[in-house]
Amino acid sequence: MANRLLCEYKDACTLLAFSPAPSPTAWQALPSGFFKINTDGAASDGSPSCIGVAICDYRGSLFAASCKFLSTPFSTEITEALALQEGVLLALDLGISHAIVESDALSIIQAINDGELGSDFGHIVQNIKNISSSFSWCSF
């Protein structure tokens, strides 16, 4: 039995080591005049949350960036929502009119796109929607 398990383990290690790598997704440039706003937030129990924003132009060059420590610890969802809010505020301050906003916080993106305002972060979603309505074109 031990020999069989050892052989199965070695076979599994061999399969994992030689499995084909996933094909990389090719970067595609944005249309001229568009900007991509990437946001992220970090939350940890007991430590103040922090947020970050990177805005790139249509060529993929960094145009502006921001990072902030928040005054208190927030939940992950609220922190991510605040990061998105910071992203659209920074873009508005910079006079950006055509934006694609990206975040790894699917629940926040869905709430913005669906207009769901009933959650703990609904007031932040409403702020994001209000700010983004100032752009000529904005997608989340």
N, C-alpha and C. Protein backbone atom coordinates (compact mmCIF):
# COMPACT_ATOMS: atom_id res chain seq x y z
N MET A 1 0.83 -1.19 0.00
CA MET A 1 0.00 0.00 0.00
C MET A 1 0.88 1.26 0.00
N ALA A 2 1.92 1.26 0.84
CA ALA A 2 2.79 2.43 0.90
C ALA A 2 3.48 2.68 -0.43
N ASN A 3 3.91 1.60 -1.11
CA ASN A 3 4.56 1.75 -2.41
C ASN A 3 3.59 2.33 -3.44
N ARG A 4 2.33 1.87 -3.42
CA ARG A 4 1.34 2.39 -4.35
C ARG A 4 1.10 3.88 -4.13
N LEU A 5 0.98 4.29 -2.87
CA LEU A 5 0.77 5.71 -2.55
C LEU A 5 1.97 6.55 -2.97
N LEU A 6 3.16 6.02 -2.76
CA LEU A 6 4.37 6.73 -3.16
C LEU A 6 4.41 6.90 -4.68
N CYS A 7 4.05 5.87 -5.41
CA CYS A 7 4.02 5.96 -6.89
C CYS A 7 2.98 6.97 -7.35
N GLU A 8 1.80 6.96 -6.73
CA GLU A 8 0.76 7.92 -7.09
C GLU A 8 1.22 9.35 -6.82
N TYR A 9 1.89 9.54 -5.69
CA TYR A 9 2.41 10.87 -5.35
C TYR A 9 3.41 11.34 -6.39
N LYS A 10 4.36 10.47 -6.75
CA LYS A 10 5.38 10.83 -7.75
C LYS A 10 4.74 11.12 -9.10
N ASP A 11 3.75 10.34 -9.49
CA ASP A 11 3.04 10.59 -10.74
C ASP A 11 2.34 11.94 -10.72
N ALA A 12 1.70 12.25 -9.61
CA ALA A 12 1.00 13.54 -9.49
C ALA A 12 1.98 14.70 -9.57
N CYS A 13 3.13 14.57 -8.93
CA CYS A 13 4.15 15.63 -8.98
C CYS A 13 4.65 15.83 -10.40
N THR A 14 4.82 14.75 -11.13
CA THR A 14 5.29 14.83 -12.52
C THR A 14 4.26 15.51 -13.39
N LEU A 15 2.99 15.18 -13.21
CA LEU A 15 1.92 15.79 -14.01
C LEU A 15 1.83 17.29 -13.76
N LEU A 16 1.91 17.69 -12.51
CA LEU A 16 1.81 19.11 -12.18
C LEU A 16 2.99 19.90 -12.73
N ALA A 17 4.17 19.30 -12.69
CA ALA A 17 5.36 20.02 -13.12
C ALA A 17 5.39 20.24 -14.62
N PHE A 18 4.76 19.34 -15.39
CA PHE A 18 4.84 19.43 -16.83
C PHE A 18 3.52 19.81 -17.49
N SER A 19 2.55 20.25 -16.71
CA SER A 19 1.29 20.66 -17.31
C SER A 19 1.53 21.96 -18.09
N PRO A 20 0.83 22.12 -19.21
CA PRO A 20 1.07 23.31 -20.02
C PRO A 20 0.65 24.58 -19.28
N ALA A 21 1.43 25.62 -19.45
CA ALA A 21 1.13 26.90 -18.83
C ALA A 21 -0.06 27.53 -19.54
N PRO A 22 -0.89 28.27 -18.81
CA PRO A 22 -2.02 28.93 -19.47
C PRO A 22 -1.50 29.97 -20.46
N SER A 23 -2.22 30.11 -21.55
CA SER A 23 -1.78 31.09 -22.55
C SER A 23 -1.98 32.50 -22.01
N PRO A 24 -0.98 33.35 -22.17
CA PRO A 24 -1.08 34.72 -21.65
C PRO A 24 -2.07 35.53 -22.46
N THR A 25 -2.73 36.44 -21.77
CA THR A 25 -3.65 37.34 -22.44
C THR A 25 -2.84 38.53 -22.95
N ALA A 26 -3.02 38.85 -24.20
CA ALA A 26 -2.27 39.95 -24.80
C ALA A 26 -2.86 41.29 -24.36
N TRP A 27 -2.00 42.22 -24.06
CA TRP A 27 -2.43 43.56 -23.70
C TRP A 27 -2.95 44.25 -24.94
N GLN A 28 -4.07 44.95 -24.80
CA GLN A 28 -4.62 45.71 -25.91
C GLN A 28 -4.72 47.16 -25.50
N ALA A 29 -4.30 48.01 -26.40
CA ALA A 29 -4.34 49.45 -26.12
C ALA A 29 -5.78 49.94 -26.07
N LEU A 30 -5.99 50.97 -25.28
CA LEU A 30 -7.30 51.63 -25.22
C LEU A 30 -7.45 52.54 -26.43
N PRO A 31 -8.66 52.92 -26.75
CA PRO A 31 -8.84 53.94 -27.79
C PRO A 31 -8.16 55.24 -27.36
N SER A 32 -7.71 56.00 -28.32
CA SER A 32 -7.07 57.28 -28.04
C SER A 32 -7.99 58.17 -27.21
N GLY A 33 -7.42 58.80 -26.19
CA GLY A 33 -8.20 59.69 -25.33
C GLY A 33 -8.84 59.01 -24.13
N PHE A 34 -8.75 57.69 -24.06
CA PHE A 34 -9.32 56.95 -22.93
C PHE A 34 -8.25 56.71 -21.87
N PHE A 35 -8.71 56.54 -20.64
CA PHE A 35 -7.83 56.26 -19.51
C PHE A 35 -8.37 55.05 -18.76
N LYS A 36 -7.47 54.22 -18.25
CA LYS A 36 -7.86 53.10 -17.42
C LYS A 36 -7.51 53.43 -15.97
N ILE A 37 -8.49 53.28 -15.12
CA ILE A 37 -8.34 53.54 -13.69
C ILE A 37 -8.36 52.21 -12.96
N ASN A 38 -7.25 51.81 -12.39
CA ASN A 38 -7.17 50.58 -11.60
C ASN A 38 -7.14 50.95 -10.13
N THR A 39 -7.96 50.28 -9.34
CA THR A 39 -8.02 50.57 -7.91
C THR A 39 -7.86 49.29 -7.11
N ASP A 40 -7.40 49.45 -5.88
CA ASP A 40 -7.31 48.31 -4.97
C ASP A 40 -7.33 48.82 -3.54
N GLY A 41 -7.79 47.97 -2.66
CA GLY A 41 -7.83 48.29 -1.25
C GLY A 41 -7.27 47.15 -0.44
N ALA A 42 -6.75 47.47 0.73
CA ALA A 42 -6.23 46.44 1.64
C ALA A 42 -6.80 46.68 3.02
N ALA A 43 -7.38 45.62 3.59
CA ALA A 43 -7.98 45.71 4.92
C ALA A 43 -7.43 44.58 5.78
N SER A 44 -7.18 44.89 7.04
CA SER A 44 -6.67 43.90 7.97
C SER A 44 -7.25 44.20 9.35
N ASP A 45 -7.55 43.17 10.09
CA ASP A 45 -8.10 43.37 11.43
C ASP A 45 -7.15 44.20 12.29
N GLY A 46 -7.65 45.28 12.83
CA GLY A 46 -6.87 46.08 13.76
C GLY A 46 -5.95 47.10 13.15
N SER A 47 -5.66 47.00 11.87
CA SER A 47 -4.78 47.96 11.22
C SER A 47 -5.61 48.87 10.32
N PRO A 48 -5.21 50.12 10.20
CA PRO A 48 -5.96 51.00 9.29
C PRO A 48 -5.94 50.45 7.86
N SER A 49 -7.05 50.59 7.18
CA SER A 49 -7.14 50.17 5.78
C SER A 49 -6.34 51.12 4.92
N CYS A 50 -5.99 50.68 3.72
CA CYS A 50 -5.31 51.57 2.78
C CYS A 50 -5.84 51.30 1.38
N ILE A 51 -5.75 52.32 0.53
CA ILE A 51 -6.27 52.24 -0.83
C ILE A 51 -5.23 52.76 -1.81
N GLY A 52 -5.33 52.29 -3.04
CA GLY A 52 -4.41 52.73 -4.07
C GLY A 52 -5.12 52.86 -5.40
N VAL A 53 -4.63 53.79 -6.21
CA VAL A 53 -5.18 54.06 -7.53
C VAL A 53 -4.03 54.24 -8.51
N ALA A 54 -4.17 53.67 -9.69
CA ALA A 54 -3.22 53.92 -10.78
C ALA A 54 -4.05 54.23 -12.03
N ILE A 55 -3.73 55.34 -12.68
CA ILE A 55 -4.42 55.73 -13.90
C ILE A 55 -3.41 55.71 -15.04
N CYS A 56 -3.75 54.94 -16.08
CA CYS A 56 -2.87 54.83 -17.25
C CYS A 56 -3.58 55.41 -18.47
N ASP A 57 -2.79 55.98 -19.38
CA ASP A 57 -3.37 56.53 -20.60
C ASP A 57 -3.58 55.43 -21.63
N TYR A 58 -4.04 55.80 -22.81
CA TYR A 58 -4.39 54.82 -23.84
C TYR A 58 -3.19 54.02 -24.34
N ARG A 59 -1.97 54.50 -24.09
CA ARG A 59 -0.77 53.76 -24.49
C ARG A 59 -0.30 52.81 -23.39
N GLY A 60 -0.91 52.88 -22.22
CA GLY A 60 -0.52 52.04 -21.10
C GLY A 60 0.50 52.70 -20.19
N SER A 61 0.80 53.97 -20.45
CA SER A 61 1.76 54.70 -19.62
C SER A 61 1.06 55.24 -18.37
N LEU A 62 1.77 55.17 -17.24
CA LEU A 62 1.22 55.71 -16.01
C LEU A 62 0.99 57.20 -16.14
N PHE A 63 -0.20 57.64 -15.85
CA PHE A 63 -0.58 59.05 -15.95
C PHE A 63 -0.64 59.69 -14.56
N ALA A 64 -1.18 58.96 -13.60
CA ALA A 64 -1.29 59.46 -12.23
C ALA A 64 -1.47 58.29 -11.29
N ALA A 65 -1.13 58.51 -10.02
CA ALA A 65 -1.30 57.47 -9.01
C ALA A 65 -1.57 58.12 -7.66
N SER A 66 -2.19 57.35 -6.79
CA SER A 66 -2.50 57.83 -5.46
C SER A 66 -2.53 56.64 -4.51
N CYS A 67 -2.08 56.87 -3.29
CA CYS A 67 -2.26 55.85 -2.25
C CYS A 67 -2.52 56.59 -0.94
N LYS A 68 -3.36 55.98 -0.13
CA LYS A 68 -3.75 56.61 1.13
C LYS A 68 -3.93 55.56 2.21
N PHE A 69 -3.50 55.91 3.42
CA PHE A 69 -3.88 55.16 4.60
C PHE A 69 -5.17 55.77 5.10
N LEU A 70 -6.15 54.95 5.40
CA LEU A 70 -7.41 55.45 5.94
C LEU A 70 -7.29 55.54 7.45
N SER A 71 -8.14 56.32 8.05
CA SER A 71 -8.02 56.61 9.47
C SER A 71 -8.30 55.41 10.37
N THR A 72 -9.10 54.47 9.90
CA THR A 72 -9.48 53.33 10.72
C THR A 72 -9.53 52.06 9.86
N PRO A 73 -9.63 50.91 10.51
CA PRO A 73 -9.84 49.68 9.73
C PRO A 73 -11.30 49.61 9.26
N PHE A 74 -11.48 49.29 8.00
CA PHE A 74 -12.82 49.09 7.43
C PHE A 74 -12.90 47.65 6.94
N SER A 75 -14.11 47.21 6.65
CA SER A 75 -14.28 45.88 6.04
C SER A 75 -13.63 45.90 4.66
N THR A 76 -13.38 44.71 4.14
CA THR A 76 -12.77 44.60 2.81
C THR A 76 -13.64 45.28 1.76
N GLU A 77 -14.95 45.04 1.81
CA GLU A 77 -15.84 45.63 0.79
C GLU A 77 -15.86 47.15 0.87
N ILE A 78 -15.94 47.69 2.05
CA ILE A 78 -15.96 49.15 2.19
C ILE A 78 -14.62 49.73 1.74
N THR A 79 -13.52 49.07 2.08
CA THR A 79 -12.20 49.54 1.65
C THR A 79 -12.11 49.54 0.13
N GLU A 80 -12.56 48.48 -0.52
CA GLU A 80 -12.54 48.42 -1.98
C GLU A 80 -13.45 49.49 -2.59
N ALA A 81 -14.60 49.73 -1.99
CA ALA A 81 -15.50 50.78 -2.47
C ALA A 81 -14.85 52.15 -2.34
N LEU A 82 -14.17 52.39 -1.24
CA LEU A 82 -13.49 53.67 -1.05
C LEU A 82 -12.35 53.84 -2.06
N ALA A 83 -11.69 52.75 -2.41
CA ALA A 83 -10.64 52.82 -3.43
C ALA A 83 -11.23 53.21 -4.78
N LEU A 84 -12.37 52.63 -5.14
CA LEU A 84 -13.04 53.00 -6.40
C LEU A 84 -13.47 54.46 -6.38
N GLN A 85 -13.99 54.90 -5.24
CA GLN A 85 -14.39 56.30 -5.11
C GLN A 85 -13.18 57.22 -5.30
N GLU A 86 -12.07 56.86 -4.68
CA GLU A 86 -10.84 57.65 -4.83
C GLU A 86 -10.40 57.69 -6.29
N GLY A 87 -10.54 56.58 -6.99
CA GLY A 87 -10.15 56.52 -8.40
C GLY A 87 -10.96 57.47 -9.27
N VAL A 88 -12.28 57.47 -9.11
CA VAL A 88 -13.09 58.37 -9.94
C VAL A 88 -12.91 59.83 -9.52
N LEU A 89 -12.69 60.07 -8.24
CA LEU A 89 -12.42 61.45 -7.78
C LEU A 89 -11.12 61.98 -8.37
N LEU A 90 -10.07 61.15 -8.36
CA LEU A 90 -8.79 61.57 -8.92
C LEU A 90 -8.93 61.84 -10.42
N ALA A 91 -9.62 60.96 -11.12
CA ALA A 91 -9.83 61.15 -12.56
C ALA A 91 -10.61 62.44 -12.83
N LEU A 92 -11.61 62.71 -12.03
CA LEU A 92 -12.39 63.95 -12.19
C LEU A 92 -11.51 65.17 -11.96
N ASP A 93 -10.68 65.13 -10.91
CA ASP A 93 -9.77 66.24 -10.62
C ASP A 93 -8.77 66.48 -11.76
N LEU A 94 -8.41 65.40 -12.47
CA LEU A 94 -7.44 65.51 -13.55
C LEU A 94 -8.09 65.89 -14.89
N GLY A 95 -9.40 66.03 -14.88
CA GLY A 95 -10.10 66.42 -16.10
C GLY A 95 -10.28 65.29 -17.10
N ILE A 96 -10.20 64.07 -16.64
CA ILE A 96 -10.41 62.91 -17.52
C ILE A 96 -11.89 62.83 -17.87
N SER A 97 -12.18 62.58 -19.14
CA SER A 97 -13.58 62.51 -19.56
C SER A 97 -14.00 61.13 -20.06
N HIS A 98 -13.04 60.27 -20.42
CA HIS A 98 -13.33 58.93 -20.92
C HIS A 98 -12.54 57.93 -20.09
N ALA A 99 -13.26 57.11 -19.31
CA ALA A 99 -12.56 56.24 -18.35
C ALA A 99 -13.13 54.83 -18.34
N ILE A 100 -12.22 53.89 -18.17
CA ILE A 100 -12.57 52.50 -17.88
C ILE A 100 -12.03 52.22 -16.49
N VAL A 101 -12.91 51.87 -15.57
CA VAL A 101 -12.53 51.67 -14.18
C VAL A 101 -12.49 50.17 -13.91
N GLU A 102 -11.36 49.70 -13.34
CA GLU A 102 -11.20 48.28 -13.03
C GLU A 102 -10.85 48.08 -11.57
N SER A 103 -11.38 46.99 -11.02
CA SER A 103 -11.12 46.60 -9.64
C SER A 103 -11.29 45.09 -9.54
N ASP A 104 -10.62 44.48 -8.56
CA ASP A 104 -10.82 43.06 -8.34
C ASP A 104 -11.98 42.79 -7.39
N ALA A 105 -12.70 43.84 -7.01
CA ALA A 105 -13.84 43.71 -6.11
C ALA A 105 -15.13 43.58 -6.92
N LEU A 106 -15.42 42.35 -7.33
CA LEU A 106 -16.56 42.10 -8.19
C LEU A 106 -17.87 42.57 -7.57
N SER A 107 -18.06 42.37 -6.28
CA SER A 107 -19.32 42.77 -5.64
C SER A 107 -19.54 44.28 -5.73
N ILE A 108 -18.47 45.05 -5.64
CA ILE A 108 -18.61 46.51 -5.73
C ILE A 108 -18.92 46.91 -7.17
N ILE A 109 -18.21 46.32 -8.13
CA ILE A 109 -18.45 46.63 -9.54
C ILE A 109 -19.89 46.28 -9.91
N GLN A 110 -20.37 45.12 -9.47
CA GLN A 110 -21.75 44.73 -9.75
C GLN A 110 -22.74 45.69 -9.11
N ALA A 111 -22.46 46.12 -7.89
CA ALA A 111 -23.35 47.07 -7.22
C ALA A 111 -23.42 48.40 -7.98
N ILE A 112 -22.27 48.85 -8.49
CA ILE A 112 -22.25 50.10 -9.27
C ILE A 112 -23.05 49.91 -10.56
N ASN A 113 -22.79 48.83 -11.28
CA ASN A 113 -23.47 48.60 -12.55
C ASN A 113 -24.96 48.34 -12.39
N ASP A 114 -25.35 47.69 -11.28
CA ASP A 114 -26.76 47.36 -11.06
C ASP A 114 -27.50 48.41 -10.25
N GLY A 115 -26.79 49.41 -9.75
CA GLY A 115 -27.42 50.46 -8.94
C GLY A 115 -27.91 49.96 -7.60
N GLU A 116 -27.25 48.94 -7.04
CA GLU A 116 -27.65 48.40 -5.74
C GLU A 116 -27.11 49.30 -4.63
N LEU A 117 -28.01 49.91 -3.90
CA LEU A 117 -27.60 50.87 -2.88
C LEU A 117 -27.95 50.42 -1.46
N GLY A 118 -28.46 49.20 -1.30
CA GLY A 118 -28.94 48.76 -0.01
C GLY A 118 -27.91 48.13 0.91
N SER A 119 -26.67 48.08 0.51
CA SER A 119 -25.65 47.42 1.32
C SER A 119 -24.98 48.41 2.28
N ASP A 120 -24.02 47.88 3.05
CA ASP A 120 -23.24 48.72 3.97
C ASP A 120 -22.46 49.80 3.23
N PHE A 121 -22.17 49.57 1.96
CA PHE A 121 -21.38 50.51 1.17
C PHE A 121 -22.24 51.21 0.11
N GLY A 122 -23.56 51.14 0.26
CA GLY A 122 -24.47 51.74 -0.72
C GLY A 122 -24.27 53.23 -0.91
N HIS A 123 -23.96 53.94 0.18
CA HIS A 123 -23.73 55.39 0.07
C HIS A 123 -22.47 55.69 -0.73
N ILE A 124 -21.47 54.81 -0.64
CA ILE A 124 -20.24 55.00 -1.42
C ILE A 124 -20.52 54.70 -2.89
N VAL A 125 -21.30 53.65 -3.15
CA VAL A 125 -21.69 53.33 -4.53
C VAL A 125 -22.44 54.52 -5.14
N GLN A 126 -23.34 55.13 -4.37
CA GLN A 126 -24.08 56.30 -4.88
C GLN A 126 -23.12 57.44 -5.20
N ASN A 127 -22.14 57.68 -4.35
CA ASN A 127 -21.14 58.73 -4.62
C ASN A 127 -20.38 58.42 -5.91
N ILE A 128 -19.98 57.16 -6.08
CA ILE A 128 -19.24 56.77 -7.28
C ILE A 128 -20.09 57.01 -8.53
N LYS A 129 -21.36 56.62 -8.46
CA LYS A 129 -22.26 56.82 -9.60
C LYS A 129 -22.43 58.32 -9.90
N ASN A 130 -22.57 59.13 -8.86
CA ASN A 130 -22.72 60.58 -9.05
C ASN A 130 -21.48 61.19 -9.69
N ILE A 131 -20.32 60.81 -9.19
CA ILE A 131 -19.06 61.35 -9.72
C ILE A 131 -18.87 60.90 -11.16
N SER A 132 -19.08 59.61 -11.43
CA SER A 132 -18.84 59.09 -12.77
C SER A 132 -19.80 59.65 -13.81
N SER A 133 -20.95 60.14 -13.36
CA SER A 133 -21.88 60.75 -14.31
C SER A 133 -21.34 62.06 -14.88
N SER A 134 -20.28 62.59 -14.27
CA SER A 134 -19.64 63.82 -14.78
C SER A 134 -18.76 63.54 -15.99
N PHE A 135 -18.38 62.26 -16.20
CA PHE A 135 -17.54 61.91 -17.34
C PHE A 135 -18.40 61.84 -18.61
N SER A 136 -17.78 62.06 -19.75
CA SER A 136 -18.49 61.88 -21.02
C SER A 136 -18.78 60.40 -21.25
N TRP A 137 -17.83 59.54 -20.82
CA TRP A 137 -17.99 58.10 -20.98
C TRP A 137 -17.26 57.41 -19.84
N CYS A 138 -17.93 56.46 -19.19
CA CYS A 138 -17.30 55.75 -18.08
C CYS A 138 -17.87 54.34 -18.00
N SER A 139 -17.00 53.36 -17.83
CA SER A 139 -17.39 51.97 -17.74
C SER A 139 -16.72 51.33 -16.55
N PHE A 140 -17.46 50.48 -15.85
CA PHE A 140 -16.91 49.76 -14.68
C PHE A 140 -16.86 48.29 -14.99
